[in-house]
């Protein structure tokens, strides 16, 4: 995607949100804001996945901890929510990394909330209700998006 088509996508998204806000007065503003954030993060993850992957690989190489496995950046999906909440770099044999479409995030508390645990699992779909774990692929980095 070039700059011009990216700019068009931002303009279309802005116009759509303006129309939604002004024609749907009963919609809770925080829900609408969350939808727009999730959509924006999804767009950023998809748009910059290759550049993020190259940056992570350069960063690990700079510190002498690079991997010889194939890598790819995918969205993180939280179970129970179809929205993207960030991104993760997955790593493993090329044919298995190619199967990976997202990382599933599961959260829980351990020892009465003393520890907060987040499990990131490479999966073969962006659909949080219909997926399989991609065995042999690991998560090598987590990317947070500033909002």
N, C-alpha and C. Protein backbone atom coordinates (compact mmCIF):
# COMPACT_ATOMS: atom_id res chain seq x y z
N UNK A 1 0.85 -1.17 0.00
CA UNK A 1 0.00 0.00 0.00
C UNK A 1 0.89 1.23 0.00
N UNK A 2 0.62 2.14 -0.89
CA UNK A 2 1.42 3.34 -0.94
C UNK A 2 0.81 4.43 -0.06
N UNK A 3 1.51 5.55 0.06
CA UNK A 3 1.09 6.64 0.93
C UNK A 3 -0.29 7.16 0.53
N UNK A 4 -0.51 7.31 -0.77
CA UNK A 4 -1.77 7.88 -1.26
C UNK A 4 -2.96 6.99 -0.91
N UNK A 5 -2.83 5.65 -1.09
CA UNK A 5 -3.95 4.77 -0.77
C UNK A 5 -4.12 4.67 0.74
N UNK A 6 -3.03 4.75 1.51
CA UNK A 6 -3.13 4.77 2.97
C UNK A 6 -3.85 6.01 3.45
N UNK A 7 -3.57 7.14 2.80
CA UNK A 7 -4.22 8.40 3.15
C UNK A 7 -5.72 8.31 2.84
N UNK A 8 -6.06 7.67 1.72
CA UNK A 8 -7.47 7.50 1.36
C UNK A 8 -8.18 6.64 2.40
N UNK A 9 -7.53 5.60 2.88
CA UNK A 9 -8.13 4.72 3.88
C UNK A 9 -8.41 5.48 5.17
N UNK A 10 -7.50 6.35 5.57
CA UNK A 10 -7.70 7.15 6.78
C UNK A 10 -8.86 8.11 6.59
N UNK A 11 -8.95 8.74 5.43
CA UNK A 11 -10.05 9.68 5.15
C UNK A 11 -11.38 8.93 5.16
N UNK A 12 -11.45 7.77 4.52
CA UNK A 12 -12.68 6.99 4.49
C UNK A 12 -13.08 6.58 5.90
N UNK A 13 -12.12 6.14 6.72
CA UNK A 13 -12.41 5.75 8.10
C UNK A 13 -12.92 6.94 8.90
N UNK A 14 -12.32 8.11 8.71
CA UNK A 14 -12.76 9.31 9.42
C UNK A 14 -14.18 9.69 9.02
N UNK A 15 -14.46 9.62 7.72
CA UNK A 15 -15.81 9.95 7.24
C UNK A 15 -16.83 8.95 7.79
N UNK A 16 -16.49 7.68 7.79
CA UNK A 16 -17.41 6.66 8.30
C UNK A 16 -17.69 6.88 9.78
N UNK A 17 -16.65 7.20 10.55
CA UNK A 17 -16.87 7.43 11.98
C UNK A 17 -17.71 8.68 12.21
N UNK A 18 -17.52 9.73 11.40
CA UNK A 18 -18.32 10.95 11.51
C UNK A 18 -19.79 10.64 11.24
N UNK A 19 -20.05 9.87 10.19
CA UNK A 19 -21.42 9.51 9.84
C UNK A 19 -22.05 8.67 10.94
N UNK A 20 -21.28 7.70 11.47
CA UNK A 20 -21.81 6.84 12.52
C UNK A 20 -22.14 7.65 13.77
N UNK A 21 -21.25 8.54 14.16
CA UNK A 21 -21.47 9.34 15.37
C UNK A 21 -22.68 10.25 15.21
N UNK A 22 -22.85 10.84 14.04
CA UNK A 22 -23.92 11.81 13.84
C UNK A 22 -25.26 11.20 13.43
N UNK A 23 -25.28 9.93 13.07
CA UNK A 23 -26.55 9.32 12.67
C UNK A 23 -27.00 8.24 13.65
N UNK A 24 -26.20 7.92 14.63
CA UNK A 24 -26.53 6.88 15.60
C UNK A 24 -26.42 7.45 17.01
N UNK A 25 -27.37 8.31 17.43
CA UNK A 25 -27.25 8.98 18.71
C UNK A 25 -27.33 8.06 19.91
N UNK A 26 -27.89 6.87 19.79
CA UNK A 26 -28.03 5.96 20.93
C UNK A 26 -26.82 5.08 21.16
N UNK A 27 -25.81 5.18 20.32
CA UNK A 27 -24.62 4.35 20.47
C UNK A 27 -23.76 4.92 21.59
N UNK A 28 -23.34 4.07 22.49
CA UNK A 28 -22.48 4.48 23.59
C UNK A 28 -21.14 4.96 23.01
N UNK A 29 -20.73 6.16 23.36
CA UNK A 29 -19.51 6.75 22.80
C UNK A 29 -18.28 5.93 23.12
N UNK A 30 -18.22 5.32 24.31
CA UNK A 30 -17.02 4.54 24.64
C UNK A 30 -16.93 3.28 23.81
N UNK A 31 -18.07 2.68 23.50
CA UNK A 31 -18.07 1.49 22.65
C UNK A 31 -17.60 1.87 21.25
N UNK A 32 -18.13 2.96 20.73
CA UNK A 32 -17.73 3.43 19.40
C UNK A 32 -16.24 3.74 19.38
N UNK A 33 -15.75 4.39 20.43
CA UNK A 33 -14.32 4.69 20.52
C UNK A 33 -13.49 3.43 20.54
N UNK A 34 -13.94 2.40 21.28
CA UNK A 34 -13.22 1.13 21.33
C UNK A 34 -13.18 0.47 19.96
N UNK A 35 -14.30 0.51 19.25
CA UNK A 35 -14.36 -0.09 17.91
C UNK A 35 -13.37 0.62 16.98
N UNK A 36 -13.35 1.95 17.04
CA UNK A 36 -12.43 2.70 16.18
C UNK A 36 -10.97 2.42 16.55
N UNK A 37 -10.67 2.30 17.85
CA UNK A 37 -9.30 1.98 18.27
C UNK A 37 -8.88 0.62 17.76
N UNK A 38 -9.77 -0.38 17.95
CA UNK A 38 -9.45 -1.74 17.51
C UNK A 38 -9.24 -1.77 16.00
N UNK A 39 -10.12 -1.09 15.26
CA UNK A 39 -9.97 -1.05 13.81
C UNK A 39 -8.68 -0.35 13.40
N UNK A 40 -8.35 0.73 14.09
CA UNK A 40 -7.11 1.46 13.80
C UNK A 40 -5.89 0.63 14.10
N UNK A 41 -5.92 -0.08 15.23
CA UNK A 41 -4.78 -0.93 15.59
C UNK A 41 -4.66 -2.07 14.58
N UNK A 42 -5.79 -2.65 14.19
CA UNK A 42 -5.76 -3.71 13.17
C UNK A 42 -5.15 -3.22 11.88
N UNK A 43 -5.53 -2.02 11.47
CA UNK A 43 -4.97 -1.43 10.25
C UNK A 43 -3.46 -1.23 10.40
N UNK A 44 -3.02 -0.68 11.53
CA UNK A 44 -1.59 -0.44 11.74
C UNK A 44 -0.79 -1.73 11.75
N UNK A 45 -1.33 -2.76 12.41
CA UNK A 45 -0.64 -4.05 12.45
C UNK A 45 -0.50 -4.62 11.05
N UNK A 46 -1.60 -4.62 10.28
CA UNK A 46 -1.55 -5.15 8.92
C UNK A 46 -0.61 -4.32 8.04
N UNK A 47 -0.68 -3.02 8.17
CA UNK A 47 0.11 -2.10 7.33
C UNK A 47 1.60 -2.20 7.58
N UNK A 48 1.99 -2.32 8.85
CA UNK A 48 3.41 -2.27 9.20
C UNK A 48 4.00 -3.61 9.63
N UNK A 49 3.32 -4.71 9.37
CA UNK A 49 3.80 -6.03 9.81
C UNK A 49 5.20 -6.34 9.29
N UNK A 50 5.46 -6.11 8.01
CA UNK A 50 6.78 -6.43 7.46
C UNK A 50 7.87 -5.54 8.06
N UNK A 51 7.58 -4.23 8.17
CA UNK A 51 8.58 -3.31 8.74
C UNK A 51 8.83 -3.62 10.21
N UNK A 52 7.77 -3.96 10.97
CA UNK A 52 7.94 -4.35 12.37
C UNK A 52 8.79 -5.61 12.48
N UNK A 53 8.52 -6.57 11.62
CA UNK A 53 9.29 -7.82 11.63
C UNK A 53 10.77 -7.55 11.34
N UNK A 54 11.05 -6.72 10.33
CA UNK A 54 12.45 -6.37 10.01
C UNK A 54 13.11 -5.65 11.17
N UNK A 55 12.37 -4.74 11.84
CA UNK A 55 12.93 -4.00 12.97
C UNK A 55 13.28 -4.94 14.11
N UNK A 56 12.38 -5.86 14.44
CA UNK A 56 12.63 -6.81 15.53
C UNK A 56 13.84 -7.68 15.20
N UNK A 57 13.93 -8.15 13.96
CA UNK A 57 15.07 -8.97 13.55
C UNK A 57 16.38 -8.20 13.64
N UNK A 58 16.37 -6.91 13.25
CA UNK A 58 17.58 -6.07 13.35
C UNK A 58 17.93 -5.83 14.82
N UNK A 59 16.91 -5.60 15.65
CA UNK A 59 17.13 -5.36 17.08
C UNK A 59 17.77 -6.57 17.75
N UNK A 60 17.26 -7.75 17.47
CA UNK A 60 17.83 -8.95 18.10
C UNK A 60 19.23 -9.25 17.55
N UNK A 61 19.45 -8.99 16.26
CA UNK A 61 20.78 -9.20 15.68
C UNK A 61 21.79 -8.23 16.29
N UNK A 62 21.38 -7.00 16.53
CA UNK A 62 22.25 -5.98 17.12
C UNK A 62 22.75 -6.42 18.50
N UNK A 63 21.91 -7.14 19.22
CA UNK A 63 22.28 -7.59 20.56
C UNK A 63 22.76 -9.04 20.59
N UNK A 64 23.02 -9.60 19.42
CA UNK A 64 23.59 -10.94 19.33
C UNK A 64 22.66 -12.07 19.72
N UNK A 65 21.36 -11.86 19.61
CA UNK A 65 20.41 -12.91 19.99
C UNK A 65 19.43 -13.22 18.86
N UNK A 66 19.87 -13.04 17.62
CA UNK A 66 18.98 -13.30 16.50
C UNK A 66 18.75 -14.80 16.34
N UNK A 67 17.72 -15.12 15.59
CA UNK A 67 17.35 -16.50 15.35
C UNK A 67 17.52 -16.82 13.88
N UNK A 68 17.76 -18.07 13.58
CA UNK A 68 17.84 -18.49 12.19
C UNK A 68 16.50 -19.01 11.68
N UNK A 69 15.49 -19.00 12.55
CA UNK A 69 14.16 -19.42 12.15
C UNK A 69 13.47 -18.32 11.35
N UNK A 70 12.42 -18.69 10.63
CA UNK A 70 11.59 -17.71 9.94
C UNK A 70 10.78 -16.94 10.97
N UNK A 71 10.47 -15.68 10.66
CA UNK A 71 9.68 -14.85 11.57
C UNK A 71 8.60 -14.11 10.79
N UNK A 72 7.56 -13.69 11.51
CA UNK A 72 6.47 -12.95 10.90
C UNK A 72 5.70 -12.25 12.02
N UNK A 73 5.19 -11.05 11.74
CA UNK A 73 4.37 -10.32 12.71
C UNK A 73 2.89 -10.58 12.40
N UNK A 74 2.13 -10.93 13.46
CA UNK A 74 0.71 -11.24 13.34
C UNK A 74 -0.05 -10.47 14.43
N UNK A 75 -1.36 -10.27 14.24
CA UNK A 75 -2.14 -9.60 15.28
C UNK A 75 -2.32 -10.49 16.50
N UNK A 76 -2.51 -9.87 17.65
CA UNK A 76 -2.88 -10.59 18.86
C UNK A 76 -4.39 -10.47 19.01
N UNK A 77 -5.06 -11.62 19.21
CA UNK A 77 -6.51 -11.66 19.39
C UNK A 77 -6.78 -12.17 20.80
N UNK A 78 -7.64 -11.47 21.54
CA UNK A 78 -8.00 -11.92 22.88
C UNK A 78 -9.24 -12.78 22.79
N UNK A 79 -9.23 -13.93 23.46
CA UNK A 79 -10.37 -14.83 23.43
C UNK A 79 -11.60 -14.12 23.94
N UNK A 80 -12.71 -14.28 23.22
CA UNK A 80 -13.94 -13.62 23.59
C UNK A 80 -14.10 -12.27 22.92
N UNK A 81 -13.07 -11.83 22.21
CA UNK A 81 -13.11 -10.55 21.53
C UNK A 81 -12.51 -10.75 20.15
N UNK A 82 -13.19 -10.28 19.13
CA UNK A 82 -12.68 -10.41 17.78
C UNK A 82 -11.71 -9.31 17.42
N UNK A 83 -11.42 -8.41 18.35
CA UNK A 83 -10.58 -7.26 18.03
C UNK A 83 -9.11 -7.53 18.22
N UNK A 84 -8.32 -6.80 17.46
CA UNK A 84 -6.87 -6.86 17.64
C UNK A 84 -6.52 -6.01 18.85
N UNK A 85 -5.58 -6.45 19.65
CA UNK A 85 -5.13 -5.67 20.79
C UNK A 85 -3.64 -5.35 20.71
N UNK A 86 -3.02 -5.71 19.64
CA UNK A 86 -1.60 -5.49 19.47
C UNK A 86 -1.08 -6.46 18.43
N UNK A 87 0.21 -6.76 18.55
CA UNK A 87 0.81 -7.67 17.58
C UNK A 87 1.91 -8.47 18.27
N UNK A 88 2.27 -9.55 17.63
CA UNK A 88 3.35 -10.40 18.14
C UNK A 88 4.17 -10.90 16.95
N UNK A 89 5.45 -11.11 17.20
CA UNK A 89 6.28 -11.76 16.20
C UNK A 89 6.32 -13.24 16.55
N UNK A 90 6.04 -14.08 15.56
CA UNK A 90 6.14 -15.53 15.75
C UNK A 90 7.39 -16.02 15.04
N UNK A 91 7.90 -17.14 15.51
CA UNK A 91 9.16 -17.66 14.99
C UNK A 91 9.10 -19.19 14.94
N UNK A 92 9.68 -19.75 13.87
CA UNK A 92 9.72 -21.20 13.74
C UNK A 92 10.09 -21.58 12.32
N UNK A 93 9.95 -22.86 11.96
CA UNK A 93 10.21 -23.28 10.59
C UNK A 93 9.27 -22.56 9.62
N UNK A 94 9.77 -22.19 8.45
CA UNK A 94 9.02 -21.37 7.50
C UNK A 94 7.63 -21.91 7.20
N UNK A 95 7.49 -23.22 6.94
CA UNK A 95 6.19 -23.76 6.58
C UNK A 95 5.18 -23.64 7.73
N UNK A 96 5.66 -23.67 8.98
CA UNK A 96 4.76 -23.50 10.12
C UNK A 96 4.43 -22.04 10.38
N UNK A 97 5.42 -21.16 10.22
CA UNK A 97 5.19 -19.72 10.37
C UNK A 97 4.17 -19.25 9.32
N UNK A 98 4.25 -19.79 8.11
CA UNK A 98 3.29 -19.43 7.06
C UNK A 98 1.85 -19.79 7.45
N UNK A 99 1.67 -20.83 8.26
CA UNK A 99 0.34 -21.25 8.71
C UNK A 99 -0.23 -20.32 9.78
N UNK A 100 0.63 -19.62 10.49
CA UNK A 100 0.21 -18.79 11.61
C UNK A 100 -0.41 -17.48 11.12
N UNK A 101 -1.63 -17.19 11.57
CA UNK A 101 -2.35 -15.97 11.16
C UNK A 101 -2.53 -14.98 12.30
N UNK A 102 -2.38 -15.44 13.55
CA UNK A 102 -2.57 -14.57 14.72
C UNK A 102 -1.94 -15.24 15.93
N UNK A 103 -1.90 -14.49 17.02
CA UNK A 103 -1.51 -15.05 18.31
C UNK A 103 -2.70 -14.87 19.24
N UNK A 104 -3.15 -15.93 19.85
CA UNK A 104 -4.26 -15.89 20.78
C UNK A 104 -3.73 -15.50 22.15
N UNK A 105 -4.37 -14.51 22.78
CA UNK A 105 -3.96 -14.09 24.12
C UNK A 105 -4.98 -14.57 25.14
N UNK A 106 -4.50 -15.31 26.12
CA UNK A 106 -5.32 -15.76 27.24
C UNK A 106 -4.76 -15.10 28.50
N UNK A 107 -5.63 -14.62 29.38
CA UNK A 107 -5.19 -13.95 30.59
C UNK A 107 -5.81 -14.60 31.81
N UNK A 108 -5.05 -14.60 32.90
CA UNK A 108 -5.56 -15.13 34.15
C UNK A 108 -4.74 -14.63 35.32
N UNK A 109 -5.31 -14.76 36.51
CA UNK A 109 -4.61 -14.38 37.73
C UNK A 109 -4.17 -15.63 38.47
N UNK A 110 -2.99 -15.57 39.07
CA UNK A 110 -2.40 -16.69 39.79
C UNK A 110 -2.14 -16.25 41.23
N UNK A 111 -2.43 -17.10 42.18
CA UNK A 111 -2.21 -16.83 43.60
C UNK A 111 -2.91 -15.54 44.04
N UNK A 112 -4.22 -15.55 43.91
CA UNK A 112 -5.05 -14.43 44.36
C UNK A 112 -4.58 -13.09 43.80
N UNK A 113 -4.36 -13.06 42.52
CA UNK A 113 -4.00 -11.84 41.79
C UNK A 113 -2.60 -11.32 42.11
N UNK A 114 -1.75 -12.15 42.71
CA UNK A 114 -0.36 -11.74 42.95
C UNK A 114 0.38 -11.65 41.62
N UNK A 115 0.07 -12.59 40.72
CA UNK A 115 0.67 -12.62 39.39
C UNK A 115 -0.43 -12.50 38.34
N UNK A 116 -0.18 -11.67 37.34
CA UNK A 116 -1.08 -11.62 36.18
C UNK A 116 -0.37 -12.37 35.07
N UNK A 117 -1.04 -13.34 34.48
CA UNK A 117 -0.44 -14.20 33.46
C UNK A 117 -1.11 -13.95 32.11
N UNK A 118 -0.28 -13.77 31.09
CA UNK A 118 -0.77 -13.66 29.71
C UNK A 118 -0.07 -14.75 28.89
N UNK A 119 -0.86 -15.63 28.32
CA UNK A 119 -0.32 -16.66 27.44
C UNK A 119 -0.56 -16.24 26.00
N UNK A 120 0.46 -16.30 25.17
CA UNK A 120 0.35 -15.98 23.74
C UNK A 120 0.59 -17.25 22.95
N UNK A 121 -0.41 -17.67 22.18
CA UNK A 121 -0.38 -18.95 21.49
C UNK A 121 -0.55 -18.71 19.99
N UNK A 122 0.42 -19.12 19.17
CA UNK A 122 0.28 -18.98 17.71
C UNK A 122 -0.88 -19.84 17.21
N UNK A 123 -1.78 -19.21 16.40
CA UNK A 123 -2.93 -19.94 15.87
C UNK A 123 -3.05 -19.73 14.36
N UNK A 124 -3.85 -20.58 13.72
CA UNK A 124 -3.94 -20.60 12.25
C UNK A 124 -5.11 -19.77 11.70
N UNK A 125 -5.71 -18.91 12.52
CA UNK A 125 -6.87 -18.14 12.08
C UNK A 125 -6.95 -16.84 12.86
N UNK A 126 -7.60 -15.82 12.28
CA UNK A 126 -7.89 -14.59 13.01
C UNK A 126 -9.25 -14.68 13.69
N UNK A 127 -9.92 -15.80 13.54
CA UNK A 127 -11.24 -16.02 14.13
C UNK A 127 -11.05 -16.65 15.52
N UNK A 128 -11.39 -15.93 16.60
CA UNK A 128 -11.15 -16.46 17.95
C UNK A 128 -12.10 -17.58 18.36
N UNK A 129 -13.04 -17.94 17.52
CA UNK A 129 -13.95 -19.04 17.85
C UNK A 129 -13.70 -20.29 17.01
N UNK A 130 -12.83 -20.19 16.02
CA UNK A 130 -12.56 -21.33 15.15
C UNK A 130 -11.10 -21.29 14.73
N UNK A 131 -10.24 -21.98 15.48
CA UNK A 131 -8.81 -21.95 15.21
C UNK A 131 -8.16 -23.22 15.73
N UNK A 132 -6.92 -23.42 15.31
CA UNK A 132 -6.07 -24.49 15.84
C UNK A 132 -4.73 -23.89 16.20
N UNK A 133 -4.12 -24.43 17.24
CA UNK A 133 -2.78 -24.01 17.62
C UNK A 133 -1.80 -24.48 16.55
N UNK A 134 -0.82 -23.62 16.24
CA UNK A 134 0.22 -24.02 15.29
C UNK A 134 1.39 -24.52 16.13
N UNK A 135 1.50 -25.84 16.22
CA UNK A 135 2.57 -26.46 17.00
C UNK A 135 3.91 -26.23 16.31
N UNK A 136 4.95 -25.98 17.08
CA UNK A 136 6.28 -25.78 16.52
C UNK A 136 6.61 -24.33 16.23
N UNK A 137 5.68 -23.41 16.53
CA UNK A 137 5.90 -21.98 16.36
C UNK A 137 5.81 -21.34 17.74
N UNK A 138 6.71 -20.40 18.01
CA UNK A 138 6.69 -19.70 19.28
C UNK A 138 6.54 -18.21 19.07
N UNK A 139 6.18 -17.51 20.13
CA UNK A 139 6.09 -16.06 20.10
C UNK A 139 7.45 -15.52 20.56
N UNK A 140 8.09 -14.73 19.69
CA UNK A 140 9.43 -14.22 19.99
C UNK A 140 9.43 -12.75 20.37
N UNK A 141 8.33 -12.04 20.16
CA UNK A 141 8.25 -10.62 20.54
C UNK A 141 6.80 -10.21 20.65
N UNK A 142 6.54 -9.24 21.51
CA UNK A 142 5.22 -8.65 21.61
C UNK A 142 5.34 -7.17 21.28
N UNK A 143 4.41 -6.68 20.48
CA UNK A 143 4.41 -5.28 20.05
C UNK A 143 3.18 -4.60 20.62
N UNK A 144 3.38 -3.52 21.36
CA UNK A 144 2.28 -2.72 21.87
C UNK A 144 2.10 -1.52 20.95
N UNK A 145 0.86 -1.09 20.78
CA UNK A 145 0.54 0.04 19.95
C UNK A 145 0.08 1.19 20.84
N UNK A 146 0.74 2.35 20.74
CA UNK A 146 0.36 3.49 21.53
C UNK A 146 -0.94 4.07 20.99
N UNK A 147 -1.92 4.27 21.89
CA UNK A 147 -3.20 4.84 21.47
C UNK A 147 -3.50 6.08 22.28
